[in-house]
Amino acid sequence: MENTLSHRRIQLRISGKVQGVYYRSSASEKARVLGLHGTVRNLPTGDVELIAEGRSPDLESLIAWCKLGPPAAQVAAVDVRYEDATGEYRDFRVVRR
């Protein structure tokens, strides 16, 4: 990974109708296209959690996509937390319980 000054980390919590609508797989594909690394998983609350690391412009593109989601999703809110990149991810994966 390039130096961490050019990379950031975001942690998103996406709420609404976001489970059972291919949200995780669609978000994972979008993140891969953007060259981001991280994970996306369903939470027991019905929300989706997404953690991604990469260049800030690519992260912002992913956030914008997450606010819409795939066609069947109905996103109510996207809570965003910015952090320093850790470099712990080597790819982007869907985490299943």
PDB file of N, CA and C in Angstrom:
ATOM      1  N   MET A   1       0.849  -1.184   0.000  1.00  0.00           N
ATOM      2  CA  MET A   1       0.000   0.000   0.000  1.00  0.00           C
ATOM      3  C   MET A   1       0.886   1.236   0.000  1.00  0.00           C
ATOM      4  N   GLU A   2       0.413   2.279  -0.667  1.00  0.00           N
ATOM      5  CA  GLU A   2       1.169   3.526  -0.691  1.00  0.00           C
ATOM      6  C   GLU A   2       1.219   4.114   0.715  1.00  0.00           C
ATOM      7  N   ASN A   3       1.955   5.208   0.860  1.00  0.00           N
ATOM      8  CA  ASN A   3       2.059   5.773   2.209  1.00  0.00           C
ATOM      9  C   ASN A   3       0.683   6.165   2.734  1.00  0.00           C
ATOM     10  N   THR A   4       0.507   6.070   4.019  1.00  0.00           N
ATOM     11  CA  THR A   4      -0.810   6.255   4.622  1.00  0.00           C
ATOM     12  C   THR A   4      -1.297   7.704   4.570  1.00  0.00           C
ATOM     13  N   LEU A   5      -0.421   8.651   4.220  1.00  0.00           N
ATOM     14  CA  LEU A   5      -0.891  10.028   4.098  1.00  0.00           C
ATOM     15  C   LEU A   5      -1.880  10.173   2.955  1.00  0.00           C
ATOM     16  N   SER A   6      -1.736   9.364   1.898  1.00  0.00           N
ATOM     17  CA  SER A   6      -2.647   9.466   0.764  1.00  0.00           C
ATOM     18  C   SER A   6      -3.834   8.512   0.908  1.00  0.00           C
ATOM     19  N   HIS A   7      -3.848   7.721   1.950  1.00  0.00           N
ATOM     20  CA  HIS A   7      -4.921   6.760   2.167  1.00  0.00           C
ATOM     21  C   HIS A   7      -5.657   7.050   3.471  1.00  0.00           C
ATOM     22  N   ARG A   8      -6.963   6.784   3.429  1.00  0.00           N
ATOM     23  CA  ARG A   8      -7.800   6.960   4.607  1.00  0.00           C
ATOM     24  C   ARG A   8      -8.593   5.685   4.811  1.00  0.00           C
ATOM     25  N   ARG A   9      -9.339   5.680   5.899  1.00  0.00           N
ATOM     26  CA  ARG A   9     -10.222   4.560   6.216  1.00  0.00           C
ATOM     27  C   ARG A   9     -11.579   5.145   6.540  1.00  0.00           C
ATOM     28  N   ILE A  10     -12.617   4.499   6.051  1.00  0.00           N
ATOM     29  CA  ILE A  10     -13.973   4.887   6.428  1.00  0.00           C
ATOM     30  C   ILE A  10     -14.664   3.676   7.033  1.00  0.00           C
ATOM     31  N   GLN A  11     -15.516   3.962   7.994  1.00  0.00           N
ATOM     32  CA  GLN A  11     -16.394   2.933   8.543  1.00  0.00           C
ATOM     33  C   GLN A  11     -17.808   3.466   8.373  1.00  0.00           C
ATOM     34  N   LEU A  12     -18.614   2.723   7.629  1.00  0.00           N
ATOM     35  CA  LEU A  12     -19.979   3.139   7.332  1.00  0.00           C
ATOM     36  C   LEU A  12     -20.969   2.209   8.003  1.00  0.00           C
ATOM     37  N   ARG A  13     -22.049   2.782   8.451  1.00  0.00           N
ATOM     38  CA  ARG A  13     -23.196   1.993   8.926  1.00  0.00           C
ATOM     39  C   ARG A  13     -24.373   2.449   8.079  1.00  0.00           C
ATOM     40  N   ILE A  14     -24.887   1.520   7.280  1.00  0.00           N
ATOM     41  CA  ILE A  14     -25.946   1.835   6.329  1.00  0.00           C
ATOM     42  C   ILE A  14     -27.242   1.232   6.851  1.00  0.00           C
ATOM     43  N   SER A  15     -28.269   2.060   6.971  1.00  0.00           N
ATOM     44  CA  SER A  15     -29.553   1.579   7.494  1.00  0.00           C
ATOM     45  C   SER A  15     -30.651   1.767   6.456  1.00  0.00           C
ATOM     46  N   GLY A  16     -31.746   1.061   6.655  1.00  0.00           N
ATOM     47  CA  GLY A  16     -32.864   1.068   5.726  1.00  0.00           C
ATOM     48  C   GLY A  16     -33.137  -0.348   5.275  1.00  0.00           C
ATOM     49  N   LYS A  17     -33.695  -0.498   4.082  1.00  0.00           N
ATOM     50  CA  LYS A  17     -33.897  -1.836   3.515  1.00  0.00           C
ATOM     51  C   LYS A  17     -32.621  -2.177   2.754  1.00  0.00           C
ATOM     52  N   VAL A  18     -31.651  -2.747   3.489  1.00  0.00           N
ATOM     53  CA  VAL A  18     -30.332  -2.988   2.915  1.00  0.00           C
ATOM     54  C   VAL A  18     -29.869  -4.446   3.065  1.00  0.00           C
ATOM     55  N   GLN A  19     -30.705  -5.291   3.617  1.00  0.00           N
ATOM     56  CA  GLN A  19     -30.379  -6.719   3.677  1.00  0.00           C
ATOM     57  C   GLN A  19     -31.370  -7.470   2.799  1.00  0.00           C
ATOM     58  N   GLY A  20     -30.865  -8.487   2.104  1.00  0.00           N
ATOM     59  CA  GLY A  20     -31.715  -9.265   1.209  1.00  0.00           C
ATOM     60  C   GLY A  20     -31.962  -8.593  -0.124  1.00  0.00           C
ATOM     61  N   VAL A  21     -31.154  -7.577  -0.458  1.00  0.00           N
ATOM     62  CA  VAL A  21     -31.319  -6.829  -1.716  1.00  0.00           C
ATOM     63  C   VAL A  21     -30.003  -6.740  -2.493  1.00  0.00           C
ATOM     64  N   TYR A  22     -29.084  -7.653  -2.204  1.00  0.00           N
ATOM     65  CA  TYR A  22     -27.764  -7.701  -2.850  1.00  0.00           C
ATOM     66  C   TYR A  22     -26.903  -6.485  -2.542  1.00  0.00           C
ATOM     67  N   TYR A  23     -27.148  -5.869  -1.389  1.00  0.00           N
ATOM     68  CA  TYR A  23     -26.371  -4.678  -1.026  1.00  0.00           C
ATOM     69  C   TYR A  23     -24.898  -5.033  -0.834  1.00  0.00           C
ATOM     70  N   ARG A  24     -24.614  -6.083  -0.055  1.00  0.00           N
ATOM     71  CA  ARG A  24     -23.219  -6.440   0.224  1.00  0.00           C
ATOM     72  C   ARG A  24     -22.455  -6.773  -1.048  1.00  0.00           C
ATOM     73  N   SER A  25     -23.025  -7.625  -1.886  1.00  0.00           N
ATOM     74  CA  SER A  25     -22.301  -8.017  -3.093  1.00  0.00           C
ATOM     75  C   SER A  25     -22.121  -6.839  -4.043  1.00  0.00           C
ATOM     76  N   SER A  26     -23.123  -5.980  -4.158  1.00  0.00           N
ATOM     77  CA  SER A  26     -23.012  -4.801  -5.022  1.00  0.00           C
ATOM     78  C   SER A  26     -21.992  -3.806  -4.480  1.00  0.00           C
ATOM     79  N   ALA A  27     -21.994  -3.603  -3.157  1.00  0.00           N
ATOM     80  CA  ALA A  27     -21.025  -2.687  -2.541  1.00  0.00           C
ATOM     81  C   ALA A  27     -19.606  -3.221  -2.697  1.00  0.00           C
ATOM     82  N   SER A  28     -19.458  -4.533  -2.553  1.00  0.00           N
ATOM     83  CA  SER A  28     -18.149  -5.153  -2.713  1.00  0.00           C
ATOM     84  C   SER A  28     -17.620  -4.955  -4.131  1.00  0.00           C
ATOM     85  N   GLU A  29     -18.475  -5.151  -5.120  1.00  0.00           N
ATOM     86  CA  GLU A  29     -18.066  -4.959  -6.515  1.00  0.00           C
ATOM     87  C   GLU A  29     -17.681  -3.505  -6.771  1.00  0.00           C
ATOM     88  N   LYS A  30     -18.472  -2.571  -6.255  1.00  0.00           N
ATOM     89  CA  LYS A  30     -18.161  -1.145  -6.432  1.00  0.00           C
ATOM     90  C   LYS A  30     -16.817  -0.813  -5.793  1.00  0.00           C
ATOM     91  N   ALA A  31     -16.587  -1.311  -4.586  1.00  0.00           N
ATOM     92  CA  ALA A  31     -15.320  -1.049  -3.887  1.00  0.00           C
ATOM     93  C   ALA A  31     -14.139  -1.613  -4.670  1.00  0.00           C
ATOM     94  N   ARG A  32     -14.296  -2.809  -5.226  1.00  0.00           N
ATOM     95  CA  ARG A  32     -13.212  -3.412  -6.014  1.00  0.00           C
ATOM     96  C   ARG A  32     -12.907  -2.581  -7.257  1.00  0.00           C
ATOM     97  N   VAL A  33     -13.952  -2.131  -7.936  1.00  0.00           N
ATOM     98  CA  VAL A  33     -13.772  -1.292  -9.137  1.00  0.00           C
ATOM     99  C   VAL A  33     -13.007  -0.015  -8.778  1.00  0.00           C
ATOM    100  N   LEU A  34     -13.265   0.514  -7.595  1.00  0.00           N
ATOM    101  CA  LEU A  34     -12.590   1.737  -7.145  1.00  0.00           C
ATOM    102  C   LEU A  34     -11.189   1.472  -6.586  1.00  0.00           C
ATOM    103  N   GLY A  35     -10.821   0.198  -6.482  1.00  0.00           N
ATOM    104  CA  GLY A  35      -9.495  -0.150  -5.976  1.00  0.00           C
ATOM    105  C   GLY A  35      -9.357  -0.061  -4.468  1.00  0.00           C
ATOM    106  N   LEU A  36     -10.478  -0.207  -3.761  1.00  0.00           N
ATOM    107  CA  LEU A  36     -10.471  -0.107  -2.305  1.00  0.00           C
ATOM    108  C   LEU A  36     -10.316  -1.482  -1.667  1.00  0.00           C
ATOM    109  N   HIS A  37      -9.871  -1.497  -0.428  1.00  0.00           N
ATOM    110  CA  HIS A  37      -9.705  -2.720   0.354  1.00  0.00           C
ATOM    111  C   HIS A  37     -10.550  -2.610   1.609  1.00  0.00           C
ATOM    112  N   GLY A  38     -11.124  -3.737   2.057  1.00  0.00           N
ATOM    113  CA  GLY A  38     -11.904  -3.716   3.288  1.00  0.00           C
ATOM    114  C   GLY A  38     -12.901  -4.845   3.343  1.00  0.00           C
ATOM    115  N   THR A  39     -13.993  -4.608   4.073  1.00  0.00           N
ATOM    116  CA  THR A  39     -15.032  -5.626   4.253  1.00  0.00           C
ATOM    117  C   THR A  39     -16.413  -4.985   4.294  1.00  0.00           C
ATOM    118  N   VAL A  40     -17.417  -5.812   4.017  1.00  0.00           N
ATOM    119  CA  VAL A  40     -18.807  -5.396   4.179  1.00  0.00           C
ATOM    120  C   VAL A  40     -19.550  -6.583   4.772  1.00  0.00           C
ATOM    121  N   ARG A  41     -20.436  -6.311   5.740  1.00  0.00           N
ATOM    122  CA  ARG A  41     -21.165  -7.406   6.395  1.00  0.00           C
ATOM    123  C   ARG A  41     -22.525  -6.922   6.876  1.00  0.00           C
ATOM    124  N   ASN A  42     -23.444  -7.875   7.008  1.00  0.00           N
ATOM    125  CA  ASN A  42     -24.739  -7.607   7.611  1.00  0.00           C
ATOM    126  C   ASN A  42     -24.572  -7.570   9.123  1.00  0.00           C
ATOM    127  N   LEU A  43     -25.324  -6.708   9.766  1.00  0.00           N
ATOM    128  CA  LEU A  43     -25.358  -6.646  11.222  1.00  0.00           C
ATOM    129  C   LEU A  43     -26.684  -7.226  11.711  1.00  0.00           C
ATOM    130  N   PRO A  44     -26.706  -7.765  12.922  1.00  0.00           N
ATOM    131  CA  PRO A  44     -27.951  -8.342  13.460  1.00  0.00           C
ATOM    132  C   PRO A  44     -29.089  -7.323  13.543  1.00  0.00           C
ATOM    133  N   THR A  45     -28.781  -6.039  13.569  1.00  0.00           N
ATOM    134  CA  THR A  45     -29.793  -4.982  13.667  1.00  0.00           C
ATOM    135  C   THR A  45     -30.547  -4.760  12.365  1.00  0.00           C
ATOM    136  N   GLY A  46     -30.057  -5.356  11.255  1.00  0.00           N
ATOM    137  CA  GLY A  46     -30.656  -5.106   9.946  1.00  0.00           C
ATOM    138  C   GLY A  46     -29.863  -4.106   9.133  1.00  0.00           C
ATOM    139  N   ASP A  47     -28.865  -3.490   9.757  1.00  0.00           N
ATOM    140  CA  ASP A  47     -27.993  -2.551   9.059  1.00  0.00           C
ATOM    141  C   ASP A  47     -26.862  -3.303   8.359  1.00  0.00           C
ATOM    142  N   VAL A  48     -26.112  -2.586   7.545  1.00  0.00           N
ATOM    143  CA  VAL A  48     -24.914  -3.114   6.900  1.00  0.00           C
ATOM    144  C   VAL A  48     -23.736  -2.279   7.375  1.00  0.00           C
ATOM    145  N   GLU A  49     -22.624  -2.948   7.695  1.00  0.00           N
ATOM    146  CA  GLU A  49     -21.389  -2.248   8.068  1.00  0.00           C
ATOM    147  C   GLU A  49     -20.379  -2.435   6.950  1.00  0.00           C
ATOM    148  N   LEU A  50     -19.761  -1.341   6.541  1.00  0.00           N
ATOM    149  CA  LEU A  50     -18.747  -1.384   5.500  1.00  0.00           C
ATOM    150  C   LEU A  50     -17.515  -0.651   6.004  1.00  0.00           C
ATOM    151  N   ILE A  51     -16.366  -1.293   5.891  1.00  0.00           N
ATOM    152  CA  ILE A  51     -15.086  -0.677   6.229  1.00  0.00           C
ATOM    153  C   ILE A  51     -14.258  -0.695   4.961  1.00  0.00           C
ATOM    154  N   ALA A  52     -13.711   0.458   4.587  1.00  0.00           N
ATOM    155  CA  ALA A  52     -12.906   0.529   3.369  1.00  0.00           C
ATOM    156  C   ALA A  52     -11.707   1.428   3.586  1.00  0.00           C
ATOM    157  N   GLU A  53     -10.612   1.063   2.919  1.00  0.00           N
ATOM    158  CA  GLU A  53      -9.398   1.874   2.934  1.00  0.00           C
ATOM    159  C   GLU A  53      -8.973   2.134   1.504  1.00  0.00           C
ATOM    160  N   GLY A  54      -8.455   3.331   1.294  1.00  0.00           N
ATOM    161  CA  GLY A  54      -7.977   3.703  -0.031  1.00  0.00           C
ATOM    162  C   GLY A  54      -7.806   5.201  -0.143  1.00  0.00           C
ATOM    163  N   ARG A  55      -7.701   5.661  -1.382  1.00  0.00           N
ATOM    164  CA  ARG A  55      -7.526   7.093  -1.628  1.00  0.00           C
ATOM    165  C   ARG A  55      -8.827   7.834  -1.318  1.00  0.00           C
ATOM    166  N   SER A  56      -8.702   9.030  -0.776  1.00  0.00           N
ATOM    167  CA  SER A  56      -9.880   9.803  -0.362  1.00  0.00           C
ATOM    168  C   SER A  56     -10.918   9.985  -1.472  1.00  0.00           C
ATOM    169  N   PRO A  57     -10.514  10.341  -2.715  1.00  0.00           N
ATOM    170  CA  PRO A  57     -11.543  10.512  -3.756  1.00  0.00           C
ATOM    171  C   PRO A  57     -12.323   9.218  -4.033  1.00  0.00           C
ATOM    172  N   ASP A  58     -11.632   8.083  -3.970  1.00  0.00           N
ATOM    173  CA  ASP A  58     -12.302   6.804  -4.194  1.00  0.00           C
ATOM    174  C   ASP A  58     -13.238   6.468  -3.045  1.00  0.00           C
ATOM    175  N   LEU A  59     -12.838   6.786  -1.829  1.00  0.00           N
ATOM    176  CA  LEU A  59     -13.711   6.573  -0.675  1.00  0.00           C
ATOM    177  C   LEU A  59     -14.962   7.437  -0.777  1.00  0.00           C
ATOM    178  N   GLU A  60     -14.794   8.682  -1.215  1.00  0.00           N
ATOM    179  CA  GLU A  60     -15.950   9.573  -1.358  1.00  0.00           C
ATOM    180  C   GLU A  60     -16.902   9.046  -2.431  1.00  0.00           C
ATOM    181  N   SER A  61     -16.364   8.476  -3.511  1.00  0.00           N
ATOM    182  CA  SER A  61     -17.208   7.865  -4.544  1.00  0.00           C
ATOM    183  C   SER A  61     -17.995   6.697  -3.973  1.00  0.00           C
ATOM    184  N   LEU A  62     -17.346   5.896  -3.133  1.00  0.00           N
ATOM    185  CA  LEU A  62     -18.032   4.761  -2.514  1.00  0.00           C
ATOM    186  C   LEU A  62     -19.132   5.240  -1.571  1.00  0.00           C
ATOM    187  N   ILE A  63     -18.863   6.272  -0.792  1.00  0.00           N
ATOM    188  CA  ILE A  63     -19.886   6.822   0.107  1.00  0.00           C
ATOM    189  C   ILE A  63     -21.103   7.272  -0.697  1.00  0.00           C
ATOM    190  N   ALA A  64     -20.865   7.978  -1.803  1.00  0.00           N
ATOM    191  CA  ALA A  64     -21.971   8.450  -2.653  1.00  0.00           C
ATOM    192  C   ALA A  64     -22.776   7.263  -3.175  1.00  0.00           C
ATOM    193  N   TRP A  65     -22.087   6.194  -3.604  1.00  0.00           N
ATOM    194  CA  TRP A  65     -22.787   5.004  -4.086  1.00  0.00           C
ATOM    195  C   TRP A  65     -23.601   4.372  -2.956  1.00  0.00           C
ATOM    196  N   CYS A  66     -23.017   4.289  -1.763  1.00  0.00           N
ATOM    197  CA  CYS A  66     -23.695   3.658  -0.628  1.00  0.00           C
ATOM    198  C   CYS A  66     -24.983   4.376  -0.251  1.00  0.00           C
ATOM    199  N   LYS A  67     -25.073   5.650  -0.510  1.00  0.00           N
ATOM    200  CA  LYS A  67     -26.292   6.406  -0.202  1.00  0.00           C
ATOM    201  C   LYS A  67     -27.444   6.011  -1.116  1.00  0.00           C
ATOM    202  N   LEU A  68     -27.121   5.421  -2.267  1.00  0.00           N
ATOM    203  CA  LEU A  68     -28.139   4.931  -3.202  1.00  0.00           C
ATOM    204  C   LEU A  68     -28.292   3.425  -3.116  1.00  0.00           C
ATOM    205  N   GLY A  69     -27.158   2.708  -3.151  1.00  0.00           N
ATOM    206  CA  GLY A  69     -27.174   1.260  -3.102  1.00  0.00           C
ATOM    207  C   GLY A  69     -27.663   0.651  -4.400  1.00  0.00           C
ATOM    208  N   PRO A  70     -27.851  -0.669  -4.423  1.00  0.00           N
ATOM    209  CA  PRO A  70     -28.374  -1.347  -5.608  1.00  0.00           C
ATOM    210  C   PRO A  70     -29.854  -1.014  -5.794  1.00  0.00           C
ATOM    211  N   PRO A  71     -30.407  -1.325  -6.967  1.00  0.00           N
ATOM    212  CA  PRO A  71     -31.795  -0.916  -7.273  1.00  0.00           C
ATOM    213  C   PRO A  71     -32.850  -1.300  -6.244  1.00  0.00           C
ATOM    214  N   ALA A  72     -32.772  -2.493  -5.642  1.00  0.00           N
ATOM    215  CA  ALA A  72     -33.817  -2.937  -4.704  1.00  0.00           C
ATOM    216  C   ALA A  72     -33.668  -2.342  -3.301  1.00  0.00           C
ATOM    217  N   ALA A  73     -32.550  -1.702  -3.019  1.00  0.00           N
ATOM    218  CA  ALA A  73     -32.311  -1.146  -1.681  1.00  0.00           C
ATOM    219  C   ALA A  73     -33.097   0.143  -1.467  1.00  0.00           C
ATOM    220  N   GLN A  74     -33.402   0.399  -0.216  1.00  0.00           N
ATOM    221  CA  GLN A  74     -34.004   1.667   0.194  1.00  0.00           C
ATOM    222  C   GLN A  74     -33.171   2.181   1.359  1.00  0.00           C
ATOM    223  N   VAL A  75     -32.168   2.976   1.039  1.00  0.00           N
ATOM    224  CA  VAL A  75     -31.226   3.457   2.053  1.00  0.00           C
ATOM    225  C   VAL A  75     -31.856   4.613   2.820  1.00  0.00           C
ATOM    226  N   ALA A  76     -31.924   4.461   4.142  1.00  0.00           N
ATOM    227  CA  ALA A  76     -32.477   5.516   4.997  1.00  0.00           C
ATOM    228  C   ALA A  76     -31.377   6.458   5.470  1.00  0.00           C
ATOM    229  N   ALA A  77     -30.211   5.912   5.805  1.00  0.00           N
ATOM    230  CA  ALA A  77     -29.118   6.739   6.332  1.00  0.00           C
ATOM    231  C   ALA A  77     -27.790   6.029   6.145  1.00  0.00           C
ATOM    232  N   VAL A  78     -26.741   6.833   5.991  1.00  0.00           N
ATOM    233  CA  VAL A  78     -25.373   6.323   5.955  1.00  0.00           C
ATOM    234  C   VAL A  78     -24.573   7.139   6.960  1.00  0.00           C
ATOM    235  N   ASP A  79     -24.180   6.489   8.038  1.00  0.00           N
ATOM    236  CA  ASP A  79     -23.340   7.145   9.039  1.00  0.00           C
ATOM    237  C   ASP A  79     -21.892   6.871   8.672  1.00  0.00           C
ATOM    238  N   VAL A  80     -21.083   7.927   8.602  1.00  0.00           N
ATOM    239  CA  VAL A  80     -19.697   7.812   8.153  1.00  0.00           C
ATOM    240  C   VAL A  80     -18.752   8.193   9.282  1.00  0.00           C
ATOM    241  N   ARG A  81     -17.744   7.361   9.488  1.00  0.00           N
ATOM    242  CA  ARG A  81     -16.672   7.686  10.432  1.00  0.00           C
ATOM    243  C   ARG A  81     -15.348   7.570   9.678  1.00  0.00           C
ATOM    244  N   TYR A  82     -14.564   8.639   9.731  1.00  0.00           N
ATOM    245  CA  TYR A  82     -13.252   8.665   9.071  1.00  0.00           C
ATOM    246  C   TYR A  82     -12.173   8.310  10.084  1.00  0.00           C
ATOM    247  N   GLU A  83     -11.213   7.517   9.641  1.00  0.00           N
ATOM    248  CA  GLU A  83     -10.108   7.106  10.504  1.00  0.00           C
ATOM    249  C   GLU A  83      -8.829   7.077   9.669  1.00  0.00           C
ATOM    250  N   ASP A  84      -7.713   6.838  10.332  1.00  0.00           N
ATOM    251  CA  ASP A  84      -6.453   6.624   9.631  1.00  0.00           C
ATOM    252  C   ASP A  84      -6.441   5.204   9.087  1.00  0.00           C
ATOM    253  N   ALA A  85      -5.886   5.035   7.897  1.00  0.00           N
ATOM    254  CA  ALA A  85      -5.763   3.704   7.302  1.00  0.00           C
ATOM    255  C   ALA A  85      -4.808   2.857   8.136  1.00  0.00           C
ATOM    256  N   THR A  86      -5.107   1.573   8.232  1.00  0.00           N
ATOM    257  CA  THR A  86      -4.248   0.651   8.975  1.00  0.00           C
ATOM    258  C   THR A  86      -3.455  -0.263   8.046  1.00  0.00           C
ATOM    259  N   GLY A  87      -3.919  -0.419   6.807  1.00  0.00           N
ATOM    260  CA  GLY A  87      -3.246  -1.310   5.874  1.00  0.00           C
ATOM    261  C   GLY A  87      -3.494  -2.781   6.141  1.00  0.00           C
ATOM    262  N   GLU A  88      -4.480  -3.093   6.977  1.00  0.00           N
ATOM    263  CA  GLU A  88      -4.718  -4.498   7.353  1.00  0.00           C
ATOM    264  C   GLU A  88      -5.420  -5.309   6.271  1.00  0.00           C
ATOM    265  N   TYR A  89      -6.039  -4.655   5.296  1.00  0.00           N
ATOM    266  CA  TYR A  89      -6.781  -5.370   4.253  1.00  0.00           C
ATOM    267  C   TYR A  89      -5.964  -5.437   2.968  1.00  0.00           C
ATOM    268  N   ARG A  90      -6.045  -6.572   2.276  1.00  0.00           N
ATOM    269  CA  ARG A  90      -5.331  -6.766   1.010  1.00  0.00           C
ATOM    270  C   ARG A  90      -6.275  -6.819  -0.182  1.00  0.00           C
ATOM    271  N   ASP A  91      -7.581  -6.936   0.107  1.00  0.00           N
ATOM    272  CA  ASP A  91      -8.597  -6.980  -0.939  1.00  0.00           C
ATOM    273  C   ASP A  91      -9.907  -6.501  -0.329  1.00  0.00           C
ATOM    274  N   PHE A  92     -11.002  -6.689  -1.048  1.00  0.00           N
ATOM    275  CA  PHE A  92     -12.304  -6.322  -0.499  1.00  0.00           C
ATOM    276  C   PHE A  92     -13.162  -7.573  -0.442  1.00  0.00           C
ATOM    277  N   ARG A  93     -13.741  -7.836   0.735  1.00  0.00           N
ATOM    278  CA  ARG A  93     -14.493  -9.078   0.945  1.00  0.00           C
ATOM    279  C   ARG A  93     -15.854  -8.854   1.576  1.00  0.00           C
ATOM    280  N   VAL A  94     -16.765  -9.732   1.200  1.00  0.00           N
ATOM    281  CA  VAL A  94     -18.040  -9.824   1.897  1.00  0.00           C
ATOM    282  C   VAL A  94     -17.840 -10.783   3.049  1.00  0.00           C
ATOM    283  N   VAL A  95     -18.169 -10.346   4.260  1.00  0.00           N
ATOM    284  CA  VAL A  95     -18.054 -11.186   5.455  1.00  0.00           C
ATOM    285  C   VAL A  95     -19.437 -11.756   5.738  1.00  0.00           C
ATOM    286  N   ARG A  96     -19.482 -13.071   5.831  1.00  0.00           N
ATOM    287  CA  ARG A  96     -20.750 -13.737   6.149  1.00  0.00           C
ATOM    288  C   ARG A  96     -20.694 -14.240   7.579  1.00  0.00           C
ATOM    289  N   ARG A  97     -21.819 -14.176   8.265  1.00  0.00           N
ATOM    290  CA  ARG A  97     -21.877 -14.627   9.662  1.00  0.00           C
ATOM    291  C   ARG A  97     -21.661 -16.100   9.786  1.00  0.00           C
TER     292      ARG A  97
END
